[in-house]
Amino acid sequence: MAKANNTEKISTIAWIPGHCRIEGNERADREAKKAAEGNTSAKVDLPAYLRNGNLPATASAIRQHFHKSLKTRWAHRFSKSPRHRKFTIIDPRGTNSKFAENTGEL
């Protein structure tokens, strides 16, 4: 780590258990998700070395993008299928049903 103007910066790294409703961790998760989806800071707000172009996509970001596009394509195709009408008679909420919520992360 480089020092600037002889000032010392101290960082502490600590393990935080996930899914425990720790507000700082929950906010970090939300911000990471935004960044993975491409919702990042304005270029003027970024450090100079990040303003030059796109960073390489992480495996996680690629996977999230793939799953999002897959769900979108599926929903479009399903909405055009003959089964969609029959399904909405059973569950008027359609693809937003509890089934979709429970299987959305598969």
N, C-alpha and C. Protein backbone atom coordinates (compact mmCIF):
# COMPACT_ATOMS: atom_id res chain seq x y z
N MET A 1 0.85 -1.17 0.00
CA MET A 1 0.00 0.00 0.00
C MET A 1 0.90 1.24 0.00
N ALA A 2 0.65 2.15 -0.91
CA ALA A 2 1.47 3.35 -1.01
C ALA A 2 0.99 4.40 -0.02
N LYS A 3 1.93 5.15 0.49
CA LYS A 3 1.59 6.23 1.42
C LYS A 3 1.71 7.55 0.68
N ALA A 4 0.76 8.43 0.91
CA ALA A 4 0.79 9.75 0.29
C ALA A 4 0.97 10.80 1.37
N ASN A 5 1.88 11.71 1.16
CA ASN A 5 2.14 12.81 2.09
C ASN A 5 2.44 12.33 3.51
N ASN A 6 3.08 11.22 3.64
CA ASN A 6 3.46 10.67 4.93
C ASN A 6 2.28 10.46 5.89
N THR A 7 1.10 10.29 5.33
CA THR A 7 -0.05 9.99 6.19
C THR A 7 -0.27 8.49 6.18
N GLU A 8 -0.59 7.98 7.33
CA GLU A 8 -0.78 6.54 7.44
C GLU A 8 -2.26 6.22 7.50
N LYS A 9 -2.67 5.27 6.70
CA LYS A 9 -4.07 4.86 6.68
C LYS A 9 -4.15 3.44 7.20
N ILE A 10 -5.08 3.21 8.08
CA ILE A 10 -5.24 1.90 8.67
C ILE A 10 -6.59 1.33 8.24
N SER A 11 -6.56 0.12 7.72
CA SER A 11 -7.78 -0.56 7.34
C SER A 11 -7.94 -1.80 8.20
N THR A 12 -9.16 -2.08 8.56
CA THR A 12 -9.46 -3.28 9.32
C THR A 12 -10.38 -4.15 8.49
N ILE A 13 -10.03 -5.40 8.36
CA ILE A 13 -10.87 -6.35 7.63
C ILE A 13 -11.43 -7.33 8.64
N ALA A 14 -12.73 -7.49 8.62
CA ALA A 14 -13.39 -8.39 9.57
C ALA A 14 -14.41 -9.24 8.84
N TRP A 15 -14.55 -10.48 9.27
CA TRP A 15 -15.56 -11.36 8.70
C TRP A 15 -16.91 -10.99 9.29
N ILE A 16 -17.91 -10.87 8.42
CA ILE A 16 -19.27 -10.57 8.84
C ILE A 16 -20.14 -11.71 8.34
N PRO A 17 -20.90 -12.35 9.22
CA PRO A 17 -21.77 -13.43 8.76
C PRO A 17 -22.85 -12.87 7.82
N GLY A 18 -23.11 -13.56 6.74
CA GLY A 18 -24.12 -13.12 5.79
C GLY A 18 -25.52 -13.43 6.27
N HIS A 19 -26.49 -12.72 5.73
CA HIS A 19 -27.90 -12.94 5.99
C HIS A 19 -28.26 -12.83 7.47
N CYS A 20 -27.61 -11.92 8.18
CA CYS A 20 -27.90 -11.75 9.61
C CYS A 20 -28.49 -10.38 9.91
N ARG A 21 -28.94 -9.69 8.86
CA ARG A 21 -29.57 -8.38 9.03
C ARG A 21 -28.66 -7.35 9.68
N ILE A 22 -27.38 -7.42 9.42
CA ILE A 22 -26.45 -6.40 9.90
C ILE A 22 -26.51 -5.27 8.87
N GLU A 23 -26.99 -4.09 9.28
CA GLU A 23 -27.31 -3.03 8.34
C GLU A 23 -26.13 -2.66 7.43
N GLY A 24 -24.96 -2.52 7.96
CA GLY A 24 -23.81 -2.18 7.12
C GLY A 24 -23.56 -3.23 6.05
N ASN A 25 -23.71 -4.49 6.42
CA ASN A 25 -23.51 -5.58 5.47
C ASN A 25 -24.65 -5.62 4.46
N GLU A 26 -25.87 -5.38 4.90
CA GLU A 26 -27.01 -5.36 3.99
C GLU A 26 -26.84 -4.24 2.96
N ARG A 27 -26.37 -3.07 3.42
CA ARG A 27 -26.17 -1.95 2.49
C ARG A 27 -25.06 -2.28 1.50
N ALA A 28 -23.98 -2.90 1.99
CA ALA A 28 -22.89 -3.29 1.10
C ALA A 28 -23.39 -4.28 0.05
N ASP A 29 -24.25 -5.21 0.46
CA ASP A 29 -24.82 -6.17 -0.49
C ASP A 29 -25.65 -5.46 -1.56
N ARG A 30 -26.47 -4.48 -1.13
CA ARG A 30 -27.29 -3.73 -2.10
C ARG A 30 -26.41 -2.96 -3.08
N GLU A 31 -25.37 -2.31 -2.56
CA GLU A 31 -24.48 -1.53 -3.43
C GLU A 31 -23.71 -2.44 -4.39
N ALA A 32 -23.29 -3.61 -3.90
CA ALA A 32 -22.58 -4.56 -4.77
C ALA A 32 -23.50 -5.05 -5.88
N LYS A 33 -24.75 -5.29 -5.55
CA LYS A 33 -25.70 -5.75 -6.56
C LYS A 33 -25.92 -4.66 -7.61
N LYS A 34 -26.06 -3.41 -7.17
CA LYS A 34 -26.21 -2.29 -8.11
C LYS A 34 -25.02 -2.24 -9.06
N ALA A 35 -23.83 -2.35 -8.49
CA ALA A 35 -22.62 -2.29 -9.31
C ALA A 35 -22.56 -3.45 -10.29
N ALA A 36 -22.95 -4.64 -9.85
CA ALA A 36 -22.94 -5.81 -10.72
C ALA A 36 -23.92 -5.66 -11.87
N GLU A 37 -25.00 -4.91 -11.64
CA GLU A 37 -26.00 -4.67 -12.67
C GLU A 37 -25.64 -3.48 -13.55
N GLY A 38 -24.52 -2.84 -13.27
CA GLY A 38 -24.07 -1.72 -14.09
C GLY A 38 -24.49 -0.35 -13.58
N ASN A 39 -25.16 -0.29 -12.44
CA ASN A 39 -25.59 0.98 -11.86
C ASN A 39 -24.46 1.53 -10.99
N THR A 40 -23.49 2.15 -11.62
CA THR A 40 -22.32 2.60 -10.88
C THR A 40 -22.32 4.12 -10.74
N SER A 41 -21.31 4.61 -10.09
CA SER A 41 -21.16 6.05 -9.87
C SER A 41 -20.88 6.77 -11.18
N ALA A 42 -21.17 8.06 -11.20
CA ALA A 42 -20.82 8.88 -12.36
C ALA A 42 -19.30 8.90 -12.49
N LYS A 43 -18.81 8.96 -13.72
CA LYS A 43 -17.36 8.90 -13.94
C LYS A 43 -16.60 9.97 -13.18
N VAL A 44 -17.17 11.17 -13.05
CA VAL A 44 -16.47 12.24 -12.35
C VAL A 44 -16.28 11.94 -10.87
N ASP A 45 -17.13 11.06 -10.32
CA ASP A 45 -17.02 10.71 -8.90
C ASP A 45 -16.03 9.57 -8.65
N LEU A 46 -15.55 8.94 -9.71
CA LEU A 46 -14.64 7.80 -9.56
C LEU A 46 -13.19 8.27 -9.49
N PRO A 47 -12.32 7.47 -8.88
CA PRO A 47 -10.89 7.77 -8.93
C PRO A 47 -10.42 7.76 -10.38
N ALA A 48 -9.38 8.52 -10.68
CA ALA A 48 -8.91 8.68 -12.06
C ALA A 48 -8.65 7.35 -12.76
N TYR A 49 -8.08 6.37 -12.05
CA TYR A 49 -7.74 5.11 -12.71
C TYR A 49 -8.97 4.28 -13.09
N LEU A 50 -10.14 4.64 -12.58
CA LEU A 50 -11.36 3.93 -12.95
C LEU A 50 -12.17 4.64 -14.03
N ARG A 51 -11.76 5.84 -14.40
CA ARG A 51 -12.52 6.63 -15.39
C ARG A 51 -12.20 6.26 -16.83
N ASN A 52 -11.15 5.48 -17.05
CA ASN A 52 -10.67 5.23 -18.41
C ASN A 52 -11.51 4.26 -19.23
N GLY A 53 -12.33 3.48 -18.63
CA GLY A 53 -13.13 2.53 -19.39
C GLY A 53 -13.77 1.50 -18.48
N ASN A 54 -14.28 0.48 -19.11
CA ASN A 54 -14.96 -0.56 -18.35
C ASN A 54 -13.96 -1.50 -17.70
N LEU A 55 -14.30 -1.92 -16.52
CA LEU A 55 -13.50 -2.94 -15.85
C LEU A 55 -13.94 -4.30 -16.38
N PRO A 56 -13.08 -5.28 -16.33
CA PRO A 56 -13.50 -6.62 -16.74
C PRO A 56 -14.64 -7.11 -15.84
N ALA A 57 -15.58 -7.79 -16.45
CA ALA A 57 -16.71 -8.31 -15.68
C ALA A 57 -16.26 -9.49 -14.83
N THR A 58 -16.80 -9.57 -13.64
CA THR A 58 -16.49 -10.69 -12.76
C THR A 58 -17.38 -11.87 -13.15
N ALA A 59 -17.00 -13.05 -12.71
CA ALA A 59 -17.82 -14.23 -12.96
C ALA A 59 -19.21 -14.06 -12.36
N SER A 60 -19.27 -13.44 -11.19
CA SER A 60 -20.55 -13.20 -10.52
C SER A 60 -21.44 -12.27 -11.35
N ALA A 61 -20.87 -11.21 -11.89
CA ALA A 61 -21.65 -10.27 -12.70
C ALA A 61 -22.13 -10.93 -13.98
N ILE A 62 -21.30 -11.74 -14.59
CA ILE A 62 -21.70 -12.45 -15.81
C ILE A 62 -22.84 -13.42 -15.50
N ARG A 63 -22.73 -14.13 -14.40
CA ARG A 63 -23.76 -15.09 -13.98
C ARG A 63 -25.07 -14.35 -13.69
N GLN A 64 -25.02 -13.23 -12.98
CA GLN A 64 -26.23 -12.47 -12.69
C GLN A 64 -26.89 -11.98 -13.97
N HIS A 65 -26.10 -11.49 -14.89
CA HIS A 65 -26.63 -11.01 -16.17
C HIS A 65 -27.29 -12.15 -16.94
N PHE A 66 -26.63 -13.30 -16.96
CA PHE A 66 -27.17 -14.46 -17.66
C PHE A 66 -28.51 -14.88 -17.07
N HIS A 67 -28.59 -14.98 -15.73
CA HIS A 67 -29.82 -15.40 -15.09
C HIS A 67 -30.94 -14.39 -15.32
N LYS A 68 -30.61 -13.12 -15.28
CA LYS A 68 -31.62 -12.08 -15.51
C LYS A 68 -32.16 -12.18 -16.94
N SER A 69 -31.26 -12.33 -17.91
CA SER A 69 -31.72 -12.43 -19.30
C SER A 69 -32.48 -13.73 -19.54
N LEU A 70 -32.07 -14.81 -18.89
CA LEU A 70 -32.77 -16.08 -19.02
C LEU A 70 -34.21 -15.97 -18.49
N LYS A 71 -34.36 -15.34 -17.32
CA LYS A 71 -35.70 -15.15 -16.76
C LYS A 71 -36.57 -14.29 -17.66
N THR A 72 -35.98 -13.25 -18.24
CA THR A 72 -36.73 -12.37 -19.14
C THR A 72 -37.19 -13.12 -20.38
N ARG A 73 -36.28 -13.90 -20.98
CA ARG A 73 -36.65 -14.68 -22.17
C ARG A 73 -37.72 -15.71 -21.84
N TRP A 74 -37.58 -16.38 -20.69
CA TRP A 74 -38.56 -17.38 -20.28
C TRP A 74 -39.92 -16.73 -20.10
N ALA A 75 -39.97 -15.61 -19.39
CA ALA A 75 -41.25 -14.94 -19.14
C ALA A 75 -41.90 -14.52 -20.45
N HIS A 76 -41.10 -14.03 -21.39
CA HIS A 76 -41.65 -13.63 -22.69
C HIS A 76 -42.22 -14.83 -23.43
N ARG A 77 -41.46 -15.91 -23.50
CA ARG A 77 -41.92 -17.11 -24.20
C ARG A 77 -43.15 -17.72 -23.52
N PHE A 78 -43.12 -17.77 -22.20
CA PHE A 78 -44.24 -18.35 -21.47
C PHE A 78 -45.50 -17.52 -21.68
N SER A 79 -45.37 -16.21 -21.71
CA SER A 79 -46.55 -15.34 -21.89
C SER A 79 -47.21 -15.57 -23.24
N LYS A 80 -46.47 -16.08 -24.21
CA LYS A 80 -47.00 -16.34 -25.54
C LYS A 80 -47.48 -17.79 -25.70
N SER A 81 -47.24 -18.62 -24.72
CA SER A 81 -47.58 -20.04 -24.84
C SER A 81 -49.05 -20.28 -24.52
N PRO A 82 -49.61 -21.39 -25.06
CA PRO A 82 -51.01 -21.72 -24.76
C PRO A 82 -51.22 -22.06 -23.28
N ARG A 83 -50.18 -22.48 -22.61
CA ARG A 83 -50.31 -22.84 -21.19
C ARG A 83 -50.44 -21.61 -20.29
N HIS A 84 -49.98 -20.46 -20.76
CA HIS A 84 -50.03 -19.24 -19.95
C HIS A 84 -51.46 -18.92 -19.54
N ARG A 85 -52.38 -18.96 -20.51
CA ARG A 85 -53.77 -18.65 -20.22
C ARG A 85 -54.34 -19.60 -19.18
N LYS A 86 -54.07 -20.89 -19.35
CA LYS A 86 -54.57 -21.88 -18.39
C LYS A 86 -53.93 -21.69 -17.02
N PHE A 87 -52.66 -21.37 -17.02
CA PHE A 87 -51.95 -21.17 -15.75
C PHE A 87 -52.51 -19.97 -14.99
N THR A 88 -52.81 -18.89 -15.70
CA THR A 88 -53.32 -17.69 -15.03
C THR A 88 -54.72 -17.89 -14.47
N ILE A 89 -55.45 -18.90 -14.98
CA ILE A 89 -56.74 -19.24 -14.38
C ILE A 89 -56.50 -19.83 -13.00
N ILE A 90 -55.47 -20.66 -12.88
CA ILE A 90 -55.13 -21.30 -11.61
C ILE A 90 -54.50 -20.29 -10.65
N ASP A 91 -53.57 -19.48 -11.18
CA ASP A 91 -52.87 -18.50 -10.35
C ASP A 91 -52.84 -17.17 -11.10
N PRO A 92 -53.80 -16.26 -10.81
CA PRO A 92 -53.90 -14.99 -11.54
C PRO A 92 -52.64 -14.13 -11.47
N ARG A 93 -51.81 -14.37 -10.46
CA ARG A 93 -50.57 -13.58 -10.38
C ARG A 93 -49.57 -14.02 -11.43
N GLY A 94 -49.85 -15.10 -12.10
CA GLY A 94 -48.99 -15.57 -13.18
C GLY A 94 -47.61 -15.93 -12.71
N THR A 95 -46.62 -15.44 -13.42
CA THR A 95 -45.23 -15.80 -13.12
C THR A 95 -44.71 -15.13 -11.86
N ASN A 96 -45.49 -14.29 -11.24
CA ASN A 96 -45.06 -13.65 -9.99
C ASN A 96 -45.55 -14.42 -8.77
N SER A 97 -45.94 -15.65 -8.97
CA SER A 97 -46.50 -16.44 -7.88
C SER A 97 -45.42 -16.87 -6.89
N LYS A 98 -45.86 -17.47 -5.83
CA LYS A 98 -44.94 -17.98 -4.81
C LYS A 98 -43.98 -19.01 -5.42
N PHE A 99 -44.48 -19.79 -6.37
CA PHE A 99 -43.62 -20.77 -7.04
C PHE A 99 -42.43 -20.06 -7.70
N ALA A 100 -42.71 -18.99 -8.41
CA ALA A 100 -41.63 -18.25 -9.07
C ALA A 100 -40.67 -17.66 -8.04
N GLU A 101 -41.20 -17.18 -6.92
CA GLU A 101 -40.35 -16.64 -5.87
C GLU A 101 -39.44 -17.71 -5.29
N ASN A 102 -40.02 -18.89 -5.06
CA ASN A 102 -39.26 -19.97 -4.46
C ASN A 102 -38.24 -20.59 -5.40
N THR A 103 -38.51 -20.55 -6.69
CA THR A 103 -37.60 -21.17 -7.65
C THR A 103 -36.73 -20.14 -8.37
N GLY A 104 -36.91 -18.88 -8.07
CA GLY A 104 -36.18 -17.83 -8.77
C GLY A 104 -34.68 -17.90 -8.64
N GLU A 105 -34.17 -18.50 -7.60
CA GLU A 105 -32.72 -18.54 -7.39
C GLU A 105 -32.10 -19.84 -7.86
N LEU A 106 -32.90 -20.69 -8.48
CA LEU A 106 -32.37 -21.98 -8.96
C LEU A 106 -31.55 -21.81 -10.22
